Amino acid sequence: MNAYPIDRRGFIAAGAAAGAALIAAPSFAADMPVEVRRLSPALDKIIAPGSTVETIATGIRWAEGPLWVPGTGLLFSDPPANLMRRWTRAGGVVPFLSPSGAGGTDPKLVREPGSNGLALAHDGALLIANSGGRSIDRFDLKTRQRTVVVDRFEGARFNSPNDLHVAKSGAIYFTDPPYGFSAGDASPLKEAKQNGVYRWSPDGKVVLIDGTLPLPNGVALSPDERKLYVSVSDPAAPRIMVYDLDSHGLPTASHVWLDAASMRGPNVPGLPDGMKIARDGILFCSVPGGMMVLTPKAEPLGLIVSGKPIANCAFGEDGSTVFMTSGDRVLRLRLRIRAAA
């Protein structure tokens, strides 16, 4: 999930869809409204024509990591503010957890001390990609007790865990870019040689899925868990990778699923970032320009634009709502499909 752009541009720079047509850079205006752009008639089965995108929260330093929690509402992170907030239809937006990440960090060294990506464990606990704490944490929503699930690989501390996905087995796939460090890869805090994609299993074993990506970001599993998707927020080669997984959840092959280079432009905000996959396989992926809706074959169906990067999304309420974090605000859009159970 992209960090708030003023700082991140300092170290990552101030598509062709695989098997699909070339996607041109979208056009933007400074005061443009939030809208849904139809790229294919097939989008009408997912988002009703004329649907409006609702803004449900504003005034956030950098909205990230949305997660719908039944009985609790929508949780979302603000990494630079070190704060997690909650939204409900009845109560609006209220603080939920502070600090959401690590307290007492040096701002000269750590630009994102708070939580980033969020997920639910199978027992209902909240799992947190703790950017500032450099760990994956478990937070009991009833007792509010917090424990570290994992914070090291081969003895080296992680950089700043960013996004995560929980498999049916309870394994956690997560990305670990250097976004939380003020100096990025040049940070004196960096211990890991790589910016990695990892798999943690309930027996405590950590496997490096890929250590070659310069800026791994969003991560998601296909509904059948045979494929793992990872966004790469590399300005020089923005893309989404896909990994074929074996019965043990480990990769056997990989390739570029979406080349987002053609989507970039001088006034196009954002890079490949967070993503979610509906239970029918339709993907909602953050790309340059906004949140793109794609088929499993990377065929573009629609683009949700706000004039700002859309960092991530989550399905919630009755499963037919998509929530999106976009810069200083959170957006809500009703769907025609039941994206989540």
C-alpha atoms as a PDB file:
ATOM      1  CA  MET A   1       0.000   0.000   0.000  1.00  0.00           C
ATOM      2  CA  ASN A   2       1.550   3.236  -1.043  1.00  0.00           C
ATOM      3  CA  ALA A   3       2.658   5.513   1.704  1.00  0.00           C
ATOM      4  CA  TYR A   4       1.453   9.076   1.796  1.00  0.00           C
ATOM      5  CA  PRO A   5       2.924  10.605  -1.349  1.00  0.00           C
ATOM      6  CA  ILE A   6       4.705  13.746  -0.084  1.00  0.00           C
ATOM      7  CA  ASP A   7       7.317  11.692   1.739  1.00  0.00           C
ATOM      8  CA  ARG A   8       7.386   8.575  -0.395  1.00  0.00           C
ATOM      9  CA  ARG A   9       8.060  10.402  -3.619  1.00  0.00           C
ATOM     10  CA  GLY A  10      11.446  11.218  -2.105  1.00  0.00           C
ATOM     11  CA  PHE A  11      12.668   7.709  -2.755  1.00  0.00           C
ATOM     12  CA  ILE A  12      10.388   6.079  -5.308  1.00  0.00           C
ATOM     13  CA  ALA A  13      10.248   9.086  -7.713  1.00  0.00           C
ATOM     14  CA  ALA A  14       8.769  12.611  -7.062  1.00  0.00           C
ATOM     15  CA  GLY A  15      -0.468  -1.369 -19.258  1.00  0.00           C
ATOM     16  CA  ALA A  16      -0.571  -3.387 -21.035  1.00  0.00           C
ATOM     17  CA  ALA A  17      -2.692  -6.049 -19.338  1.00  0.00           C
ATOM     18  CA  ALA A  18      -1.322  -9.524 -19.883  1.00  0.00           C
ATOM     19  CA  GLY A  19      -3.516 -11.046 -22.563  1.00  0.00           C
ATOM     20  CA  ALA A  20      -5.619  -7.853 -22.822  1.00  0.00           C
ATOM     21  CA  ALA A  21      -5.671  -4.602 -24.763  1.00  0.00           C
ATOM     22  CA  LEU A  22      -3.320  -1.708 -24.075  1.00  0.00           C
ATOM     23  CA  ILE A  23      -4.605   0.535 -21.304  1.00  0.00           C
ATOM     24  CA  ALA A  24      -3.858   4.211 -21.831  1.00  0.00           C
ATOM     25  CA  ALA A  25      -3.089   6.675 -19.059  1.00  0.00           C
ATOM     26  CA  PRO A  26      -6.369   8.105 -17.682  1.00  0.00           C
ATOM     27  CA  SER A  27      -7.106  11.817 -17.902  1.00  0.00           C
ATOM     28  CA  PHE A  28      -7.535  13.862 -14.731  1.00  0.00           C
ATOM     29  CA  ALA A  29      -8.583  17.314 -13.602  1.00  0.00           C
ATOM     30  CA  ALA A  30      -7.625  18.972 -10.331  1.00  0.00           C
ATOM     31  CA  ASP A  31     -11.211  19.303  -9.131  1.00  0.00           C
ATOM     32  CA  MET A  32     -12.662  16.164 -10.673  1.00  0.00           C
ATOM     33  CA  PRO A  33     -15.464  14.326  -8.866  1.00  0.00           C
ATOM     34  CA  VAL A  34     -15.119  10.746  -7.711  1.00  0.00           C
ATOM     35  CA  GLU A  35     -16.539   8.614 -10.503  1.00  0.00           C
ATOM     36  CA  VAL A  36     -16.739   5.168 -12.055  1.00  0.00           C
ATOM     37  CA  ARG A  37     -15.388   4.947 -15.596  1.00  0.00           C
ATOM     38  CA  ARG A  38     -16.813   2.112 -17.694  1.00  0.00           C
ATOM     39  CA  LEU A  39     -14.154   0.339 -19.788  1.00  0.00           C
ATOM     40  CA  SER A  40     -16.309  -2.629 -20.776  1.00  0.00           C
ATOM     41  CA  PRO A  41     -20.060  -3.373 -20.880  1.00  0.00           C
ATOM     42  CA  ALA A  42     -19.304  -6.300 -18.569  1.00  0.00           C
ATOM     43  CA  LEU A  43     -18.796  -3.813 -15.731  1.00  0.00           C
ATOM     44  CA  ASP A  44     -22.583  -3.310 -15.581  1.00  0.00           C
ATOM     45  CA  LYS A  45     -22.972  -6.733 -13.957  1.00  0.00           C
ATOM     46  CA  ILE A  46     -20.642  -5.630 -11.154  1.00  0.00           C
ATOM     47  CA  ILE A  47     -21.417  -1.923 -10.713  1.00  0.00           C
ATOM     48  CA  ALA A  48     -24.784  -0.522 -11.740  1.00  0.00           C
ATOM     49  CA  PRO A  49     -24.615   2.255 -14.362  1.00  0.00           C
ATOM     50  CA  GLY A  50     -24.966   5.641 -12.699  1.00  0.00           C
ATOM     51  CA  SER A  51     -23.722   4.429  -9.316  1.00  0.00           C
ATOM     52  CA  THR A  52     -22.279   7.147  -7.104  1.00  0.00           C
ATOM     53  CA  VAL A  53     -19.247   6.855  -4.873  1.00  0.00           C
ATOM     54  CA  GLU A  54     -19.883   8.091  -1.327  1.00  0.00           C
ATOM     55  CA  THR A  55     -17.217   9.760   0.833  1.00  0.00           C
ATOM     56  CA  ILE A  56     -17.582   8.472   4.404  1.00  0.00           C
ATOM     57  CA  ALA A  57     -14.422   9.874   6.046  1.00  0.00           C
ATOM     58  CA  THR A  58     -12.140  12.872   5.460  1.00  0.00           C
ATOM     59  CA  GLY A  59      -9.296  14.682   7.194  1.00  0.00           C
ATOM     60  CA  ILE A  60      -6.969  11.648   7.310  1.00  0.00           C
ATOM     61  CA  ARG A  61      -3.238  12.092   6.786  1.00  0.00           C
ATOM     62  CA  TRP A  62      -3.025   8.940   4.638  1.00  0.00           C
ATOM     63  CA  ALA A  63      -5.848   6.395   4.646  1.00  0.00           C
ATOM     64  CA  GLU A  64      -4.771   2.762   4.350  1.00  0.00           C
ATOM     65  CA  GLY A  65      -5.540  -0.871   5.105  1.00  0.00           C
ATOM     66  CA  PRO A  66      -9.371  -0.956   5.173  1.00  0.00           C
ATOM     67  CA  LEU A  67     -10.974  -4.031   6.751  1.00  0.00           C
ATOM     68  CA  TRP A  68     -14.606  -4.828   7.427  1.00  0.00           C
ATOM     69  CA  VAL A  69     -15.048  -6.538  10.820  1.00  0.00           C
ATOM     70  CA  PRO A  70     -18.535  -7.970  11.473  1.00  0.00           C
ATOM     71  CA  GLY A  71     -19.980  -6.467  14.642  1.00  0.00           C
ATOM     72  CA  THR A  72     -17.312  -3.751  14.722  1.00  0.00           C
ATOM     73  CA  GLY A  73     -17.532  -1.883  11.421  1.00  0.00           C
ATOM     74  CA  LEU A  74     -14.866  -0.664   9.047  1.00  0.00           C
ATOM     75  CA  LEU A  75     -11.360  -0.339  10.456  1.00  0.00           C
ATOM     76  CA  PHE A  76      -8.694   1.560   8.569  1.00  0.00           C
ATOM     77  CA  SER A  77      -5.145   2.719   9.208  1.00  0.00           C
ATOM     78  CA  ASP A  78      -3.430   6.088   9.090  1.00  0.00           C
ATOM     79  CA  PRO A  79       0.270   5.038   9.085  1.00  0.00           C
ATOM     80  CA  PRO A  80       1.899   8.490   9.456  1.00  0.00           C
ATOM     81  CA  ALA A  81      -0.514   9.477  12.244  1.00  0.00           C
ATOM     82  CA  ASN A  82       0.006   6.134  14.040  1.00  0.00           C
ATOM     83  CA  LEU A  83      -3.755   5.808  14.394  1.00  0.00           C
ATOM     84  CA  MET A  84      -6.401   3.254  13.480  1.00  0.00           C
ATOM     85  CA  ARG A  85      -9.964   4.492  13.052  1.00  0.00           C
ATOM     86  CA  ARG A  86     -13.376   2.860  12.935  1.00  0.00           C
ATOM     87  CA  TRP A  87     -16.371   3.791  10.803  1.00  0.00           C
ATOM     88  CA  THR A  88     -19.952   2.693  11.376  1.00  0.00           C
ATOM     89  CA  ARG A  89     -23.089   3.943   9.727  1.00  0.00           C
ATOM     90  CA  ALA A  90     -24.527   4.885  13.121  1.00  0.00           C
ATOM     91  CA  GLY A  91     -21.471   6.432  14.739  1.00  0.00           C
ATOM     92  CA  GLY A  92     -19.403   7.783  11.858  1.00  0.00           C
ATOM     93  CA  VAL A  93     -15.626   7.885  12.286  1.00  0.00           C
ATOM     94  CA  VAL A  94     -13.990   7.505  15.719  1.00  0.00           C
ATOM     95  CA  PRO A  95     -10.466   6.619  16.907  1.00  0.00           C
ATOM     96  CA  PHE A  96     -10.044   2.895  17.508  1.00  0.00           C
ATOM     97  CA  LEU A  97      -6.385   2.181  18.346  1.00  0.00           C
ATOM     98  CA  SER A  98      -3.550   4.563  19.206  1.00  0.00           C
ATOM     99  CA  PRO A  99      -0.728   3.922  18.747  1.00  0.00           C
ATOM    100  CA  SER A 100      -1.752   1.551  16.000  1.00  0.00           C
ATOM    101  CA  GLY A 101       1.849   0.586  15.347  1.00  0.00           C
ATOM    102  CA  ALA A 102       4.952   1.391  17.387  1.00  0.00           C
ATOM    103  CA  GLY A 103       5.263   4.173  19.928  1.00  0.00           C
ATOM    104  CA  GLY A 104       8.384   6.231  20.512  1.00  0.00           C
ATOM    105  CA  THR A 105       9.939   5.915  17.063  1.00  0.00           C
ATOM    106  CA  ASP A 106      12.367   8.532  15.781  1.00  0.00           C
ATOM    107  CA  PRO A 107      10.641  10.560  13.019  1.00  0.00           C
ATOM    108  CA  LYS A 108      14.026  11.159  11.439  1.00  0.00           C
ATOM    109  CA  LEU A 109      14.285   7.423  10.842  1.00  0.00           C
ATOM    110  CA  VAL A 110      10.674   6.185  10.709  1.00  0.00           C
ATOM    111  CA  ARG A 111       8.134   8.013   8.546  1.00  0.00           C
ATOM    112  CA  GLU A 112       5.274   5.545   9.060  1.00  0.00           C
ATOM    113  CA  PRO A 113       5.134   4.409  12.701  1.00  0.00           C
ATOM    114  CA  GLY A 114       1.538   3.159  12.539  1.00  0.00           C
ATOM    115  CA  SER A 115      -0.349   0.154  11.253  1.00  0.00           C
ATOM    116  CA  ASN A 116      -0.843  -0.424   7.555  1.00  0.00           C
ATOM    117  CA  GLY A 117      -2.609  -3.516   6.173  1.00  0.00           C
ATOM    118  CA  LEU A 118      -5.211  -5.307   8.310  1.00  0.00           C
ATOM    119  CA  ALA A 119      -6.757  -8.767   8.146  1.00  0.00           C
ATOM    120  CA  LEU A 120      -8.830 -11.124  10.278  1.00  0.00           C
ATOM    121  CA  ALA A 121      -7.435 -14.349  11.700  1.00  0.00           C
ATOM    122  CA  HIS A 122      -9.720 -17.378  11.619  1.00  0.00           C
ATOM    123  CA  ASP A 123     -10.446 -16.975  15.330  1.00  0.00           C
ATOM    124  CA  GLY A 124     -11.631 -13.391  14.809  1.00  0.00           C
ATOM    125  CA  ALA A 125      -8.490 -11.647  16.042  1.00  0.00           C
ATOM    126  CA  LEU A 126      -7.190  -8.623  14.169  1.00  0.00           C
ATOM    127  CA  LEU A 127      -3.920  -9.124  12.308  1.00  0.00           C
ATOM    128  CA  ILE A 128      -1.868  -5.976  11.774  1.00  0.00           C
ATOM    129  CA  ALA A 129       0.962  -5.199   9.390  1.00  0.00           C
ATOM    130  CA  ASN A 130       2.833  -3.049  11.891  1.00  0.00           C
ATOM    131  CA  SER A 131       4.957  -0.730   9.762  1.00  0.00           C
ATOM    132  CA  GLY A 132       6.647   1.083  12.648  1.00  0.00           C
ATOM    133  CA  GLY A 133       7.029  -2.018  14.816  1.00  0.00           C
ATOM    134  CA  ARG A 134       8.411  -3.983  11.841  1.00  0.00           C
ATOM    135  CA  SER A 135       6.226  -6.976  12.599  1.00  0.00           C
ATOM    136  CA  ILE A 136       2.988  -8.816  11.993  1.00  0.00           C
ATOM    137  CA  ASP A 137       0.895  -8.453  15.156  1.00  0.00           C
ATOM    138  CA  ARG A 138      -2.182 -10.133  16.593  1.00  0.00           C
ATOM    139  CA  PHE A 139      -4.714  -7.912  18.401  1.00  0.00           C
ATOM    140  CA  ASP A 140      -7.526  -9.495  20.415  1.00  0.00           C
ATOM    141  CA  LEU A 141     -10.603  -7.366  19.771  1.00  0.00           C
ATOM    142  CA  LYS A 142     -12.213  -8.437  23.074  1.00  0.00           C
ATOM    143  CA  THR A 143      -9.293  -8.128  25.494  1.00  0.00           C
ATOM    144  CA  ARG A 144      -7.352  -5.581  23.388  1.00  0.00           C
ATOM    145  CA  GLN A 145      -4.181  -7.517  24.108  1.00  0.00           C
ATOM    146  CA  ARG A 146      -1.508  -7.381  21.444  1.00  0.00           C
ATOM    147  CA  THR A 147       1.177  -9.921  20.634  1.00  0.00           C
ATOM    148  CA  VAL A 148       3.828 -10.229  17.925  1.00  0.00           C
ATOM    149  CA  VAL A 149       3.229 -13.057  15.453  1.00  0.00           C
ATOM    150  CA  VAL A 150       6.510 -12.683  13.559  1.00  0.00           C
ATOM    151  CA  ASP A 151       9.151  -9.963  13.227  1.00  0.00           C
ATOM    152  CA  ARG A 152      12.211 -11.639  11.717  1.00  0.00           C
ATOM    153  CA  PHE A 153      13.440 -13.765   8.865  1.00  0.00           C
ATOM    154  CA  GLU A 154      16.687 -15.660   9.308  1.00  0.00           C
ATOM    155  CA  GLY A 155      17.553 -13.447  12.293  1.00  0.00           C
ATOM    156  CA  ALA A 156      17.093 -10.118  10.496  1.00  0.00           C
ATOM    157  CA  ARG A 157      14.255  -7.777  11.426  1.00  0.00           C
ATOM    158  CA  PHE A 158      11.694  -6.975   8.779  1.00  0.00           C
ATOM    159  CA  ASN A 159      11.689  -3.525   7.166  1.00  0.00           C
ATOM    160  CA  SER A 160       8.101  -2.304   7.520  1.00  0.00           C
ATOM    161  CA  PRO A 161       5.396  -4.933   6.854  1.00  0.00           C
ATOM    162  CA  ASN A 162       2.842  -3.423   4.540  1.00  0.00           C
ATOM    163  CA  ASP A 163      -0.019  -5.707   3.495  1.00  0.00           C
ATOM    164  CA  LEU A 164      -1.182  -9.232   4.308  1.00  0.00           C
ATOM    165  CA  HIS A 165      -3.611 -11.989   3.345  1.00  0.00           C
ATOM    166  CA  VAL A 166      -4.713 -14.948   5.457  1.00  0.00           C
ATOM    167  CA  ALA A 167      -5.014 -18.322   3.735  1.00  0.00           C
ATOM    168  CA  LYS A 168      -7.570 -21.000   4.612  1.00  0.00           C
ATOM    169  CA  SER A 169      -4.789 -22.895   6.392  1.00  0.00           C
ATOM    170  CA  GLY A 170      -4.137 -19.910   8.667  1.00  0.00           C
ATOM    171  CA  ALA A 171      -0.898 -19.100   6.866  1.00  0.00           C
ATOM    172  CA  ILE A 172      -0.203 -15.388   6.365  1.00  0.00           C
ATOM    173  CA  TYR A 173       1.234 -14.001   3.140  1.00  0.00           C
ATOM    174  CA  PHE A 174       2.694 -10.525   3.584  1.00  0.00           C
ATOM    175  CA  THR A 175       4.888  -7.935   1.900  1.00  0.00           C
ATOM    176  CA  ASP A 176       7.817  -6.120   3.479  1.00  0.00           C
ATOM    177  CA  PRO A 177       8.977  -3.026   1.538  1.00  0.00           C
ATOM    178  CA  PRO A 178      11.094  -0.220   3.058  1.00  0.00           C
ATOM    179  CA  TYR A 179       8.257   2.347   2.943  1.00  0.00           C
ATOM    180  CA  GLY A 180       8.212   2.856   6.697  1.00  0.00           C
ATOM    181  CA  PHE A 181      11.809   4.066   6.745  1.00  0.00           C
ATOM    182  CA  SER A 182      12.455   7.752   6.124  1.00  0.00           C
ATOM    183  CA  ALA A 183      15.468   6.864   3.980  1.00  0.00           C
ATOM    184  CA  GLY A 184      13.960   3.808   2.304  1.00  0.00           C
ATOM    185  CA  ASP A 185      16.541   1.197   1.322  1.00  0.00           C
ATOM    186  CA  ALA A 186      19.326   3.497   2.547  1.00  0.00           C
ATOM    187  CA  SER A 187      17.982   3.521   6.113  1.00  0.00           C
ATOM    188  CA  PRO A 188      20.473   2.594   8.840  1.00  0.00           C
ATOM    189  CA  LEU A 189      17.617   0.595  10.413  1.00  0.00           C
ATOM    190  CA  LYS A 190      17.394  -1.818   7.494  1.00  0.00           C
ATOM    191  CA  GLU A 191      18.577  -5.315   8.428  1.00  0.00           C
ATOM    192  CA  ALA A 192      17.040  -7.490   5.719  1.00  0.00           C
ATOM    193  CA  LYS A 193      18.990  -7.720   2.474  1.00  0.00           C
ATOM    194  CA  GLN A 194      15.798  -7.941   0.451  1.00  0.00           C
ATOM    195  CA  ASN A 195      12.426  -6.296   0.228  1.00  0.00           C
ATOM    196  CA  GLY A 196      10.433  -9.462   0.471  1.00  0.00           C
ATOM    197  CA  VAL A 197       7.190 -11.333   0.010  1.00  0.00           C
ATOM    198  CA  TYR A 198       6.832 -13.889   2.799  1.00  0.00           C
ATOM    199  CA  ARG A 199       4.640 -16.752   3.970  1.00  0.00           C
ATOM    200  CA  TRP A 200       4.268 -17.416   7.698  1.00  0.00           C
ATOM    201  CA  SER A 201       2.659 -20.718   8.688  1.00  0.00           C
ATOM    202  CA  PRO A 202       0.970 -21.501  12.029  1.00  0.00           C
ATOM    203  CA  ASP A 203       3.884 -23.750  12.977  1.00  0.00           C
ATOM    204  CA  GLY A 204       6.053 -20.615  13.053  1.00  0.00           C
ATOM    205  CA  LYS A 205       7.958 -21.270   9.831  1.00  0.00           C
ATOM    206  CA  VAL A 206       8.683 -18.262   7.602  1.00  0.00           C
ATOM    207  CA  VAL A 207       9.413 -18.763   3.903  1.00  0.00           C
ATOM    208  CA  LEU A 208      10.674 -16.090   1.512  1.00  0.00           C
ATOM    209  CA  ILE A 209       8.364 -16.269  -1.510  1.00  0.00           C
ATOM    210  CA  ASP A 210      10.235 -13.636  -3.530  1.00  0.00           C
ATOM    211  CA  GLY A 211      13.165 -11.436  -2.576  1.00  0.00           C
ATOM    212  CA  THR A 212      13.770  -9.860  -5.983  1.00  0.00           C
ATOM    213  CA  LEU A 213      10.993  -7.260  -6.122  1.00  0.00           C
ATOM    214  CA  PRO A 214      12.204  -3.700  -5.466  1.00  0.00           C
ATOM    215  CA  LEU A 215       8.958  -2.422  -3.917  1.00  0.00           C
ATOM    216  CA  PRO A 216       6.446  -5.202  -3.113  1.00  0.00           C
ATOM    217  CA  ASN A 217       3.131  -3.837  -1.956  1.00  0.00           C
ATOM    218  CA  GLY A 218      -0.420  -5.241  -2.049  1.00  0.00           C
ATOM    219  CA  VAL A 219      -0.996  -8.987  -1.783  1.00  0.00           C
ATOM    220  CA  ALA A 220      -3.989 -11.284  -2.317  1.00  0.00           C
ATOM    221  CA  LEU A 221      -4.830 -14.936  -2.972  1.00  0.00           C
ATOM    222  CA  SER A 222      -7.215 -16.168  -5.642  1.00  0.00           C
ATOM    223  CA  PRO A 223     -10.398 -17.801  -4.281  1.00  0.00           C
ATOM    224  CA  ASP A 224      -9.016 -21.299  -4.940  1.00  0.00           C
ATOM    225  CA  GLU A 225      -5.654 -20.252  -3.415  1.00  0.00           C
ATOM    226  CA  ARG A 226      -3.755 -21.533  -6.435  1.00  0.00           C
ATOM    227  CA  LYS A 227      -2.481 -18.076  -7.319  1.00  0.00           C
ATOM    228  CA  LEU A 228      -0.845 -15.304  -5.298  1.00  0.00           C
ATOM    229  CA  TYR A 229      -0.963 -11.734  -6.625  1.00  0.00           C
ATOM    230  CA  VAL A 230       1.589  -9.112  -5.552  1.00  0.00           C
ATOM    231  CA  SER A 231       1.667  -5.450  -6.588  1.00  0.00           C
ATOM    232  CA  VAL A 232       5.022  -3.844  -7.316  1.00  0.00           C
ATOM    233  CA  SER A 233       5.082  -0.065  -6.797  1.00  0.00           C
ATOM    234  CA  ASP A 234       8.193   0.455  -8.897  1.00  0.00           C
ATOM    235  CA  PRO A 235       7.900   3.727 -10.872  1.00  0.00           C
ATOM    236  CA  ALA A 236      10.297   2.342 -13.479  1.00  0.00           C
ATOM    237  CA  ALA A 237       8.320  -0.881 -13.948  1.00  0.00           C
ATOM    238  CA  PRO A 238       4.918  -0.718 -12.197  1.00  0.00           C
ATOM    239  CA  ARG A 239       3.253  -4.116 -12.354  1.00  0.00           C
ATOM    240  CA  ILE A 240       1.288  -6.849 -10.637  1.00  0.00           C
ATOM    241  CA  MET A 241       2.932 -10.257 -10.392  1.00  0.00           C
ATOM    242  CA  VAL A 242       1.142 -13.582 -10.128  1.00  0.00           C
ATOM    243  CA  TYR A 243       2.630 -16.742  -8.613  1.00  0.00           C
ATOM    244  CA  ASP A 244       1.364 -20.257  -9.224  1.00  0.00           C
ATOM    245  CA  LEU A 245       1.176 -22.059  -5.879  1.00  0.00           C
ATOM    246  CA  ASP A 246       1.492 -25.761  -5.110  1.00  0.00           C
ATOM    247  CA  SER A 247      -0.544 -27.710  -2.558  1.00  0.00           C
ATOM    248  CA  HIS A 248       1.747 -26.399   0.199  1.00  0.00           C
ATOM    249  CA  GLY A 249       1.123 -22.770  -0.741  1.00  0.00           C
ATOM    250  CA  LEU A 250       4.588 -22.288  -2.205  1.00  0.00           C
ATOM    251  CA  PRO A 251       5.391 -20.861  -5.650  1.00  0.00           C
ATOM    252  CA  THR A 252       6.205 -23.021  -8.658  1.00  0.00           C
ATOM    253  CA  ALA A 253       6.256 -20.259 -11.291  1.00  0.00           C
ATOM    254  CA  SER A 254       5.598 -16.547 -11.678  1.00  0.00           C
ATOM    255  CA  HIS A 255       5.008 -13.936 -14.340  1.00  0.00           C
ATOM    256  CA  VAL A 256       3.808 -10.360 -14.838  1.00  0.00           C
ATOM    257  CA  TRP A 257       0.007 -10.444 -14.706  1.00  0.00           C
ATOM    258  CA  LEU A 258      -0.532  -6.717 -15.303  1.00  0.00           C
ATOM    259  CA  ASP A 259       2.004  -4.306 -16.775  1.00  0.00           C
ATOM    260  CA  ALA A 260       0.854  -0.879 -15.579  1.00  0.00           C
ATOM    261  CA  ALA A 261       3.548   1.196 -17.309  1.00  0.00           C
ATOM    262  CA  SER A 262       1.155   2.455 -19.993  1.00  0.00           C
ATOM    263  CA  MET A 263      -1.248   3.713 -17.316  1.00  0.00           C
ATOM    264  CA  ARG A 264       1.257   6.214 -15.969  1.00  0.00           C
ATOM    265  CA  GLY A 265       1.228   9.847 -17.016  1.00  0.00           C
ATOM    266  CA  PRO A 266       2.439  13.256 -15.803  1.00  0.00           C
ATOM    267  CA  ASN A 267      -0.782  13.938 -13.876  1.00  0.00           C
ATOM    268  CA  VAL A 268      -1.827  10.379 -13.072  1.00  0.00           C
ATOM    269  CA  PRO A 269      -1.685   9.678  -9.321  1.00  0.00           C
ATOM    270  CA  GLY A 270      -0.678   6.412  -7.738  1.00  0.00           C
ATOM    271  CA  LEU A 271       1.058   3.134  -8.543  1.00  0.00           C
ATOM    272  CA  PRO A 272       0.033  -0.521  -8.206  1.00  0.00           C
ATOM    273  CA  ASP A 273      -0.894  -0.915  -4.557  1.00  0.00           C
ATOM    274  CA  GLY A 274      -3.505  -2.802  -2.541  1.00  0.00           C
ATOM    275  CA  MET A 275      -6.037  -5.218  -4.020  1.00  0.00           C
ATOM    276  CA  LYS A 276      -8.905  -7.521  -3.129  1.00  0.00           C
ATOM    277  CA  ILE A 277     -10.383 -10.437  -5.038  1.00  0.00           C
ATOM    278  CA  ALA A 278     -14.112 -11.147  -5.051  1.00  0.00           C
ATOM    279  CA  ARG A 279     -15.293 -14.690  -4.483  1.00  0.00           C
ATOM    280  CA  ASP A 280     -16.098 -15.033  -8.221  1.00  0.00           C
ATOM    281  CA  GLY A 281     -12.490 -14.084  -9.087  1.00  0.00           C
ATOM    282  CA  ILE A 282     -13.054 -10.466 -10.142  1.00  0.00           C
ATOM    283  CA  LEU A 283     -10.136  -8.310  -8.977  1.00  0.00           C
ATOM    284  CA  PHE A 284     -10.212  -4.778  -7.590  1.00  0.00           C
ATOM    285  CA  CYS A 285      -6.634  -3.527  -7.980  1.00  0.00           C
ATOM    286  CA  SER A 286      -5.029  -0.200  -7.189  1.00  0.00           C
ATOM    287  CA  VAL A 287      -3.275   1.061 -10.321  1.00  0.00           C
ATOM    288  CA  PRO A 288      -2.021   4.404 -11.632  1.00  0.00           C
ATOM    289  CA  GLY A 289      -5.174   6.492 -11.802  1.00  0.00           C
ATOM    290  CA  GLY A 290      -7.335   4.748  -9.213  1.00  0.00           C
ATOM    291  CA  MET A 291      -8.949   1.386  -8.486  1.00  0.00           C
ATOM    292  CA  MET A 292      -9.342  -0.875 -11.503  1.00  0.00           C
ATOM    293  CA  VAL A 293     -11.837  -3.732 -11.841  1.00  0.00           C
ATOM    294  CA  LEU A 294     -10.413  -6.638 -13.843  1.00  0.00           C
ATOM    295  CA  THR A 295     -11.234 -10.208 -14.796  1.00  0.00           C
ATOM    296  CA  PRO A 296      -8.892 -13.043 -13.748  1.00  0.00           C
ATOM    297  CA  LYS A 297      -7.445 -12.785 -17.281  1.00  0.00           C
ATOM    298  CA  ALA A 298      -6.466  -9.144 -16.577  1.00  0.00           C
ATOM    299  CA  GLU A 299      -9.174  -7.747 -18.851  1.00  0.00           C
ATOM    300  CA  PRO A 300     -10.023  -4.206 -17.657  1.00  0.00           C
ATOM    301  CA  LEU A 301     -13.718  -3.634 -16.947  1.00  0.00           C
ATOM    302  CA  GLY A 302     -13.777  -0.318 -15.121  1.00  0.00           C
ATOM    303  CA  LEU A 303     -11.770   2.298 -13.263  1.00  0.00           C
ATOM    304  CA  ILE A 304     -12.818   4.141 -10.120  1.00  0.00           C
ATOM    305  CA  VAL A 305     -11.085   7.520  -9.997  1.00  0.00           C
ATOM    306  CA  SER A 306     -10.905  10.184  -7.300  1.00  0.00           C
ATOM    307  CA  GLY A 307      -8.130  12.463  -8.532  1.00  0.00           C
ATOM    308  CA  LYS A 308      -5.857  10.940  -5.892  1.00  0.00           C
ATOM    309  CA  PRO A 309      -4.197   7.555  -5.436  1.00  0.00           C
ATOM    310  CA  ILE A 310      -6.563   4.862  -4.196  1.00  0.00           C
ATOM    311  CA  ALA A 311      -4.309   2.830  -1.943  1.00  0.00           C
ATOM    312  CA  ASN A 312      -6.455  -0.174  -1.068  1.00  0.00           C
ATOM    313  CA  CYS A 313      -9.954  -1.555  -0.734  1.00  0.00           C
ATOM    314  CA  ALA A 314     -12.070  -3.981   1.257  1.00  0.00           C
ATOM    315  CA  PHE A 315     -15.409  -5.727   0.766  1.00  0.00           C
ATOM    316  CA  GLY A 316     -17.867  -5.327   3.605  1.00  0.00           C
ATOM    317  CA  GLU A 317     -21.332  -4.838   5.065  1.00  0.00           C
ATOM    318  CA  ASP A 318     -23.430  -7.570   3.411  1.00  0.00           C
ATOM    319  CA  GLY A 319     -20.547  -8.405   1.070  1.00  0.00           C
ATOM    320  CA  SER A 320     -21.863  -6.103  -1.653  1.00  0.00           C
ATOM    321  CA  THR A 321     -19.982  -2.941  -0.670  1.00  0.00           C
ATOM    322  CA  VAL A 322     -16.429  -1.982  -1.570  1.00  0.00           C
ATOM    323  CA  PHE A 323     -14.657   0.505   0.707  1.00  0.00           C
ATOM    324  CA  MET A 324     -11.618   2.326  -0.709  1.00  0.00           C
ATOM    325  CA  THR A 325      -8.921   4.410   0.954  1.00  0.00           C
ATOM    326  CA  SER A 326      -7.873   7.394  -1.157  1.00  0.00           C
ATOM    327  CA  GLY A 327      -5.380   9.884   0.248  1.00  0.00           C
ATOM    328  CA  ASP A 328      -7.144  11.856   2.971  1.00  0.00           C
ATOM    329  CA  ARG A 329     -10.504  10.109   2.662  1.00  0.00           C
ATOM    330  CA  VAL A 330     -12.393   6.820   2.611  1.00  0.00           C
ATOM    331  CA  LEU A 331     -14.887   5.988  -0.129  1.00  0.00           C
ATOM    332  CA  ARG A 332     -17.862   3.619  -0.266  1.00  0.00           C
ATOM    333  CA  LEU A 333     -19.493   2.069  -3.337  1.00  0.00           C
ATOM    334  CA  ARG A 334     -22.333  -0.449  -3.568  1.00  0.00           C
ATOM    335  CA  LEU A 335     -21.882  -3.396  -5.933  1.00  0.00           C
ATOM    336  CA  ARG A 336     -24.268  -5.620  -7.826  1.00  0.00           C
ATOM    337  CA  ILE A 337     -22.305  -8.715  -6.898  1.00  0.00           C
ATOM    338  CA  ARG A 338     -21.839 -10.397  -3.539  1.00  0.00           C
ATOM    339  CA  ALA A 339     -18.077  -9.937  -3.507  1.00  0.00           C
ATOM    340  CA  ALA A 340     -17.550 -11.482  -0.077  1.00  0.00           C
ATOM    341  CA  ALA A 341     -19.491 -13.988   1.997  1.00  0.00           C
END
